[in-house]
Amino acid sequence: TKGNIKIPVINTAQPRVYQYFVAWHEIYHLFYDLSLRDETHNIAVDMDLNERKADYFAAKMIFGNVYDYYYSLDDEDFIDRVIKCMDVYKAPYKAVLIELFEEAVTKYNDLDLKEKILEHFDNKPENLVQKFIDLELDAELVKPSYVVSLGGLEKKIQSVMKENPDVSHHKDNYQFLLTLKNKIKKGVEGLAK
């Protein structure tokens, strides 16, 4: 946050499935989290009640009836079913498990599913990309996107520079932005290797 302006930043070095979840998580903070006052806010560090609320909000926005979908699948393998739920709902592995667990326990009293979830909760499949490929699903969902977006800031600065060609700090800001963008791109390129 800066003043009254809140700017969410999503780590695109994470697979898209996490980016989608984090986007909904951040929407919660933008609209509903009145306690968000700090300059920066890191969800990985700050797992308090508001973070849990934001995660819950994200899950509710993403999932329809994941329980019914899970049981509509013909697969016998638990992990394959969960991965297919990840694909349909564009949600992370643990988010799918948590949502299934909640439905199994609170709505359906499904003790068998509850036990399977508890058994696999801390055992995320080793190579999700390959699992998606093996199941003939779009593996891009579980790969990083490495998109660098500054929200149109470059065009905005260029426009202001055109309107006020004599104001030097616009040029300085533009150069700073280009330098920052290049540093970010180099960092991202290093991650992609």
C-alpha atoms as a PDB file:
ATOM      1  CA  THR A   1       0.000   0.000   0.000  1.00  0.00           C
ATOM      2  CA  LYS A   2       1.094   3.546  -0.657  1.00  0.00           C
ATOM      3  CA  GLY A   3      -1.244   6.140   0.786  1.00  0.00           C
ATOM      4  CA  ASN A   4      -4.678   4.888  -0.197  1.00  0.00           C
ATOM      5  CA  ILE A   5      -3.378   3.037  -3.244  1.00  0.00           C
ATOM      6  CA  LYS A   6      -2.990  -0.712  -2.910  1.00  0.00           C
ATOM      7  CA  ILE A   7      -0.907  -2.460  -5.556  1.00  0.00           C
ATOM      8  CA  PRO A   8      -0.922  -6.258  -5.513  1.00  0.00           C
ATOM      9  CA  VAL A   9       2.159  -8.000  -6.871  1.00  0.00           C
ATOM     10  CA  ILE A  10       1.868 -11.568  -8.099  1.00  0.00           C
ATOM     11  CA  ASN A  11       4.966 -13.717  -8.422  1.00  0.00           C
ATOM     12  CA  THR A  12       4.879 -15.046 -11.987  1.00  0.00           C
ATOM     13  CA  ALA A  13       7.815 -17.355 -11.259  1.00  0.00           C
ATOM     14  CA  GLN A  14       5.188 -19.503  -9.546  1.00  0.00           C
ATOM     15  CA  PRO A  15       3.001 -21.771 -11.693  1.00  0.00           C
ATOM     16  CA  ARG A  16      -0.178 -20.152 -13.033  1.00  0.00           C
ATOM     17  CA  VAL A  17      -2.323 -22.312 -10.784  1.00  0.00           C
ATOM     18  CA  TYR A  18      -0.875 -20.403  -7.793  1.00  0.00           C
ATOM     19  CA  GLN A  19      -1.074 -17.060  -9.583  1.00  0.00           C
ATOM     20  CA  TYR A  20      -4.839 -17.467 -10.035  1.00  0.00           C
ATOM     21  CA  PHE A  21      -5.313 -18.355  -6.382  1.00  0.00           C
ATOM     22  CA  VAL A  22      -3.108 -15.475  -5.210  1.00  0.00           C
ATOM     23  CA  ALA A  23      -5.014 -13.060  -7.460  1.00  0.00           C
ATOM     24  CA  TRP A  24      -8.282 -13.924  -5.694  1.00  0.00           C
ATOM     25  CA  HIS A  25      -6.470 -13.811  -2.347  1.00  0.00           C
ATOM     26  CA  GLU A  26      -5.250 -10.279  -3.115  1.00  0.00           C
ATOM     27  CA  ILE A  27      -8.709  -9.190  -4.280  1.00  0.00           C
ATOM     28  CA  TYR A  28      -9.916 -10.043  -0.784  1.00  0.00           C
ATOM     29  CA  HIS A  29      -7.288  -7.731   0.690  1.00  0.00           C
ATOM     30  CA  LEU A  30      -8.095  -4.938  -1.767  1.00  0.00           C
ATOM     31  CA  PHE A  31     -11.809  -4.928  -1.023  1.00  0.00           C
ATOM     32  CA  TYR A  32     -12.335  -6.417   2.425  1.00  0.00           C
ATOM     33  CA  ASP A  33      -9.176  -6.226   4.538  1.00  0.00           C
ATOM     34  CA  LEU A  34      -9.475  -2.951   6.446  1.00  0.00           C
ATOM     35  CA  SER A  35      -6.439  -3.776   8.576  1.00  0.00           C
ATOM     36  CA  LEU A  36      -4.052  -3.685   5.607  1.00  0.00           C
ATOM     37  CA  ARG A  37      -2.091  -0.522   6.337  1.00  0.00           C
ATOM     38  CA  ASP A  38       1.575  -1.502   6.010  1.00  0.00           C
ATOM     39  CA  GLU A  39       3.791  -0.337   3.141  1.00  0.00           C
ATOM     40  CA  THR A  40       4.294  -3.945   2.106  1.00  0.00           C
ATOM     41  CA  HIS A  41       2.420  -7.102   2.901  1.00  0.00           C
ATOM     42  CA  ASN A  42       3.890 -10.553   2.361  1.00  0.00           C
ATOM     43  CA  ILE A  43       1.415 -13.431   2.434  1.00  0.00           C
ATOM     44  CA  ALA A  44       4.166 -16.028   2.902  1.00  0.00           C
ATOM     45  CA  VAL A  45       5.250 -14.412   6.177  1.00  0.00           C
ATOM     46  CA  ASP A  46       1.983 -13.141   7.603  1.00  0.00           C
ATOM     47  CA  MET A  47      -0.355 -16.126   8.124  1.00  0.00           C
ATOM     48  CA  ASP A  48      -2.764 -14.507  10.575  1.00  0.00           C
ATOM     49  CA  LEU A  49      -6.556 -14.611  10.588  1.00  0.00           C
ATOM     50  CA  ASN A  50      -6.834 -12.115   7.705  1.00  0.00           C
ATOM     51  CA  GLU A  51      -4.613 -14.341   5.571  1.00  0.00           C
ATOM     52  CA  ARG A  52      -6.789 -17.328   6.325  1.00  0.00           C
ATOM     53  CA  LYS A  53      -9.854 -15.266   5.440  1.00  0.00           C
ATOM     54  CA  ALA A  54      -8.217 -14.238   2.162  1.00  0.00           C
ATOM     55  CA  ASP A  55      -7.401 -17.881   1.365  1.00  0.00           C
ATOM     56  CA  TYR A  56     -10.954 -18.901   2.216  1.00  0.00           C
ATOM     57  CA  PHE A  57     -12.321 -16.127  -0.012  1.00  0.00           C
ATOM     58  CA  ALA A  58     -10.061 -17.242  -2.870  1.00  0.00           C
ATOM     59  CA  ALA A  59     -11.192 -20.849  -2.499  1.00  0.00           C
ATOM     60  CA  LYS A  60     -14.862 -19.882  -2.489  1.00  0.00           C
ATOM     61  CA  MET A  61     -14.396 -17.748  -5.606  1.00  0.00           C
ATOM     62  CA  ILE A  62     -12.578 -20.524  -7.468  1.00  0.00           C
ATOM     63  CA  PHE A  63     -14.501 -23.652  -6.543  1.00  0.00           C
ATOM     64  CA  GLY A  64     -17.974 -24.635  -7.584  1.00  0.00           C
ATOM     65  CA  ASN A  65     -18.985 -28.024  -6.310  1.00  0.00           C
ATOM     66  CA  VAL A  66     -15.599 -29.708  -6.402  1.00  0.00           C
ATOM     67  CA  TYR A  67     -16.899 -32.630  -4.362  1.00  0.00           C
ATOM     68  CA  ASP A  68     -19.444 -33.657  -7.007  1.00  0.00           C
ATOM     69  CA  TYR A  69     -16.910 -33.130  -9.777  1.00  0.00           C
ATOM     70  CA  TYR A  70     -14.343 -35.269  -7.938  1.00  0.00           C
ATOM     71  CA  TYR A  71     -16.823 -38.148  -7.705  1.00  0.00           C
ATOM     72  CA  SER A  72     -17.945 -37.751 -11.321  1.00  0.00           C
ATOM     73  CA  LEU A  73     -14.461 -38.729 -12.504  1.00  0.00           C
ATOM     74  CA  ASP A  74     -13.899 -42.297 -13.659  1.00  0.00           C
ATOM     75  CA  ASP A  75     -10.310 -42.453 -12.413  1.00  0.00           C
ATOM     76  CA  GLU A  76      -9.584 -44.852  -9.612  1.00  0.00           C
ATOM     77  CA  ASP A  77      -6.415 -43.036  -8.576  1.00  0.00           C
ATOM     78  CA  PHE A  78      -6.929 -40.382  -5.891  1.00  0.00           C
ATOM     79  CA  ILE A  79      -4.051 -38.161  -7.079  1.00  0.00           C
ATOM     80  CA  ASP A  80      -5.247 -38.272 -10.689  1.00  0.00           C
ATOM     81  CA  ARG A  81      -8.688 -37.120  -9.574  1.00  0.00           C
ATOM     82  CA  VAL A  82      -7.195 -34.277  -7.548  1.00  0.00           C
ATOM     83  CA  ILE A  83      -5.064 -33.214 -10.513  1.00  0.00           C
ATOM     84  CA  LYS A  84      -8.139 -33.183 -12.746  1.00  0.00           C
ATOM     85  CA  CYS A  85      -9.848 -30.973 -10.144  1.00  0.00           C
ATOM     86  CA  MET A  86      -6.803 -28.683 -10.224  1.00  0.00           C
ATOM     87  CA  ASP A  87      -7.184 -28.455 -13.987  1.00  0.00           C
ATOM     88  CA  VAL A  88     -10.915 -27.724 -14.020  1.00  0.00           C
ATOM     89  CA  TYR A  89     -10.902 -25.245 -11.136  1.00  0.00           C
ATOM     90  CA  LYS A  90      -7.458 -23.740 -11.894  1.00  0.00           C
ATOM     91  CA  ALA A  91      -6.556 -24.207  -8.257  1.00  0.00           C
ATOM     92  CA  PRO A  92      -3.463 -25.352  -6.339  1.00  0.00           C
ATOM     93  CA  TYR A  93      -3.118 -28.921  -5.073  1.00  0.00           C
ATOM     94  CA  LYS A  94      -3.570 -28.082  -1.386  1.00  0.00           C
ATOM     95  CA  ALA A  95      -6.480 -25.732  -2.085  1.00  0.00           C
ATOM     96  CA  VAL A  96      -8.277 -28.607  -3.846  1.00  0.00           C
ATOM     97  CA  LEU A  97      -7.556 -30.925  -0.921  1.00  0.00           C
ATOM     98  CA  ILE A  98      -8.754 -28.379   1.647  1.00  0.00           C
ATOM     99  CA  GLU A  99     -11.966 -27.696  -0.263  1.00  0.00           C
ATOM    100  CA  LEU A 100     -12.624 -31.430  -0.737  1.00  0.00           C
ATOM    101  CA  PHE A 101     -11.889 -32.024   2.955  1.00  0.00           C
ATOM    102  CA  GLU A 102     -14.310 -29.306   4.017  1.00  0.00           C
ATOM    103  CA  GLU A 103     -17.069 -30.735   1.812  1.00  0.00           C
ATOM    104  CA  ALA A 104     -16.341 -34.326   2.867  1.00  0.00           C
ATOM    105  CA  VAL A 105     -16.437 -33.505   6.580  1.00  0.00           C
ATOM    106  CA  THR A 106     -19.071 -30.775   6.914  1.00  0.00           C
ATOM    107  CA  LYS A 107     -21.568 -31.687   4.183  1.00  0.00           C
ATOM    108  CA  TYR A 108     -21.285 -35.358   3.348  1.00  0.00           C
ATOM    109  CA  ASN A 109     -19.636 -37.078   6.333  1.00  0.00           C
ATOM    110  CA  ASP A 110     -17.408 -38.880   3.814  1.00  0.00           C
ATOM    111  CA  LEU A 111     -14.840 -40.517   6.092  1.00  0.00           C
ATOM    112  CA  ASP A 112     -13.149 -42.427   3.259  1.00  0.00           C
ATOM    113  CA  LEU A 113     -12.363 -39.240   1.332  1.00  0.00           C
ATOM    114  CA  LYS A 114     -11.321 -37.486   4.543  1.00  0.00           C
ATOM    115  CA  GLU A 115      -8.756 -40.240   5.233  1.00  0.00           C
ATOM    116  CA  LYS A 116      -7.389 -40.148   1.674  1.00  0.00           C
ATOM    117  CA  ILE A 117      -6.946 -36.380   1.903  1.00  0.00           C
ATOM    118  CA  LEU A 118      -5.156 -36.610   5.249  1.00  0.00           C
ATOM    119  CA  GLU A 119      -2.933 -39.363   3.851  1.00  0.00           C
ATOM    120  CA  HIS A 120      -1.887 -37.233   0.840  1.00  0.00           C
ATOM    121  CA  PHE A 121      -2.024 -33.713   2.291  1.00  0.00           C
ATOM    122  CA  ASP A 122       1.721 -33.247   2.734  1.00  0.00           C
ATOM    123  CA  ASN A 123       2.683 -35.421  -0.242  1.00  0.00           C
ATOM    124  CA  LYS A 124       2.264 -33.269  -3.320  1.00  0.00           C
ATOM    125  CA  PRO A 125       3.066 -35.230  -6.495  1.00  0.00           C
ATOM    126  CA  GLU A 126       6.730 -34.939  -7.502  1.00  0.00           C
ATOM    127  CA  ASN A 127       6.407 -33.758 -11.090  1.00  0.00           C
ATOM    128  CA  LEU A 128       3.079 -32.046 -11.648  1.00  0.00           C
ATOM    129  CA  VAL A 129       4.009 -31.002 -15.182  1.00  0.00           C
ATOM    130  CA  GLN A 130       4.531 -34.630 -16.204  1.00  0.00           C
ATOM    131  CA  LYS A 131       1.412 -35.759 -14.335  1.00  0.00           C
ATOM    132  CA  PHE A 132      -0.640 -33.184 -16.275  1.00  0.00           C
ATOM    133  CA  ILE A 133       0.900 -34.377 -19.554  1.00  0.00           C
ATOM    134  CA  ASP A 134       0.260 -38.037 -18.668  1.00  0.00           C
ATOM    135  CA  LEU A 135      -3.397 -37.210 -17.977  1.00  0.00           C
ATOM    136  CA  GLU A 136      -3.609 -35.286 -21.279  1.00  0.00           C
ATOM    137  CA  LEU A 137      -4.196 -31.975 -19.487  1.00  0.00           C
ATOM    138  CA  ASP A 138      -2.715 -28.572 -20.296  1.00  0.00           C
ATOM    139  CA  ALA A 139       0.561 -28.516 -18.348  1.00  0.00           C
ATOM    140  CA  GLU A 140       0.908 -24.728 -18.765  1.00  0.00           C
ATOM    141  CA  LEU A 141      -1.267 -24.407 -15.671  1.00  0.00           C
ATOM    142  CA  VAL A 142       1.484 -25.839 -13.473  1.00  0.00           C
ATOM    143  CA  LYS A 143       4.377 -23.998 -15.127  1.00  0.00           C
ATOM    144  CA  PRO A 144       5.586 -20.503 -14.263  1.00  0.00           C
ATOM    145  CA  SER A 145       4.464 -17.823 -16.733  1.00  0.00           C
ATOM    146  CA  TYR A 146       7.325 -15.362 -16.079  1.00  0.00           C
ATOM    147  CA  VAL A 147       5.179 -12.434 -17.260  1.00  0.00           C
ATOM    148  CA  VAL A 148       6.511  -9.021 -16.274  1.00  0.00           C
ATOM    149  CA  SER A 149       3.698  -6.478 -16.198  1.00  0.00           C
ATOM    150  CA  LEU A 150       3.954  -3.034 -14.710  1.00  0.00           C
ATOM    151  CA  GLY A 151       0.300  -2.276 -15.309  1.00  0.00           C
ATOM    152  CA  GLY A 152       0.705   0.149 -18.199  1.00  0.00           C
ATOM    153  CA  LEU A 153       3.026   2.412 -16.224  1.00  0.00           C
ATOM    154  CA  GLU A 154       5.470   2.747 -19.120  1.00  0.00           C
ATOM    155  CA  LYS A 155       2.762   4.067 -21.471  1.00  0.00           C
ATOM    156  CA  LYS A 156       1.455   6.393 -18.786  1.00  0.00           C
ATOM    157  CA  ILE A 157       4.901   7.948 -18.246  1.00  0.00           C
ATOM    158  CA  GLN A 158       5.424   8.267 -22.016  1.00  0.00           C
ATOM    159  CA  SER A 159       2.088  10.067 -22.302  1.00  0.00           C
ATOM    160  CA  VAL A 160       2.978  12.487 -19.500  1.00  0.00           C
ATOM    161  CA  MET A 161       6.374  13.090 -21.127  1.00  0.00           C
ATOM    162  CA  LYS A 162       4.630  14.051 -24.386  1.00  0.00           C
ATOM    163  CA  GLU A 163       2.277  16.416 -22.573  1.00  0.00           C
ATOM    164  CA  ASN A 164       5.121  18.032 -20.585  1.00  0.00           C
ATOM    165  CA  PRO A 165       8.342  17.679 -22.622  1.00  0.00           C
ATOM    166  CA  ASP A 166      10.180  20.280 -20.519  1.00  0.00           C
ATOM    167  CA  VAL A 167       9.697  18.505 -17.185  1.00  0.00           C
ATOM    168  CA  SER A 168      12.878  16.524 -16.551  1.00  0.00           C
ATOM    169  CA  HIS A 169      11.666  14.339 -13.688  1.00  0.00           C
ATOM    170  CA  HIS A 170       9.301  12.524 -16.086  1.00  0.00           C
ATOM    171  CA  LYS A 171      12.334  11.499 -18.146  1.00  0.00           C
ATOM    172  CA  ASP A 172      14.147  10.460 -14.964  1.00  0.00           C
ATOM    173  CA  ASN A 173      11.141   8.389 -13.889  1.00  0.00           C
ATOM    174  CA  TYR A 174      10.991   6.795 -17.326  1.00  0.00           C
ATOM    175  CA  GLN A 175      14.683   5.867 -17.233  1.00  0.00           C
ATOM    176  CA  PHE A 176      14.284   4.465 -13.722  1.00  0.00           C
ATOM    177  CA  LEU A 177      11.304   2.389 -14.869  1.00  0.00           C
ATOM    178  CA  LEU A 178      13.226   1.014 -17.867  1.00  0.00           C
ATOM    179  CA  THR A 179      16.173   0.111 -15.633  1.00  0.00           C
ATOM    180  CA  LEU A 180      13.855  -1.582 -13.134  1.00  0.00           C
ATOM    181  CA  LYS A 181      12.033  -3.451 -15.907  1.00  0.00           C
ATOM    182  CA  ASN A 182      15.343  -4.707 -17.348  1.00  0.00           C
ATOM    183  CA  LYS A 183      16.526  -5.880 -13.915  1.00  0.00           C
ATOM    184  CA  ILE A 184      13.275  -7.739 -13.377  1.00  0.00           C
ATOM    185  CA  LYS A 185      13.455  -9.327 -16.841  1.00  0.00           C
ATOM    186  CA  LYS A 186      17.054 -10.455 -16.248  1.00  0.00           C
ATOM    187  CA  GLY A 187      16.028 -11.945 -12.913  1.00  0.00           C
ATOM    188  CA  VAL A 188      13.125 -13.730 -14.546  1.00  0.00           C
ATOM    189  CA  GLU A 189      15.343 -15.025 -17.354  1.00  0.00           C
ATOM    190  CA  GLY A 190      17.666 -16.447 -14.703  1.00  0.00           C
ATOM    191  CA  LEU A 191      14.744 -18.249 -13.082  1.00  0.00           C
ATOM    192  CA  ALA A 192      13.604 -19.666 -16.413  1.00  0.00           C
ATOM    193  CA  LYS A 193      16.930 -21.437 -17.019  1.00  0.00           C
END
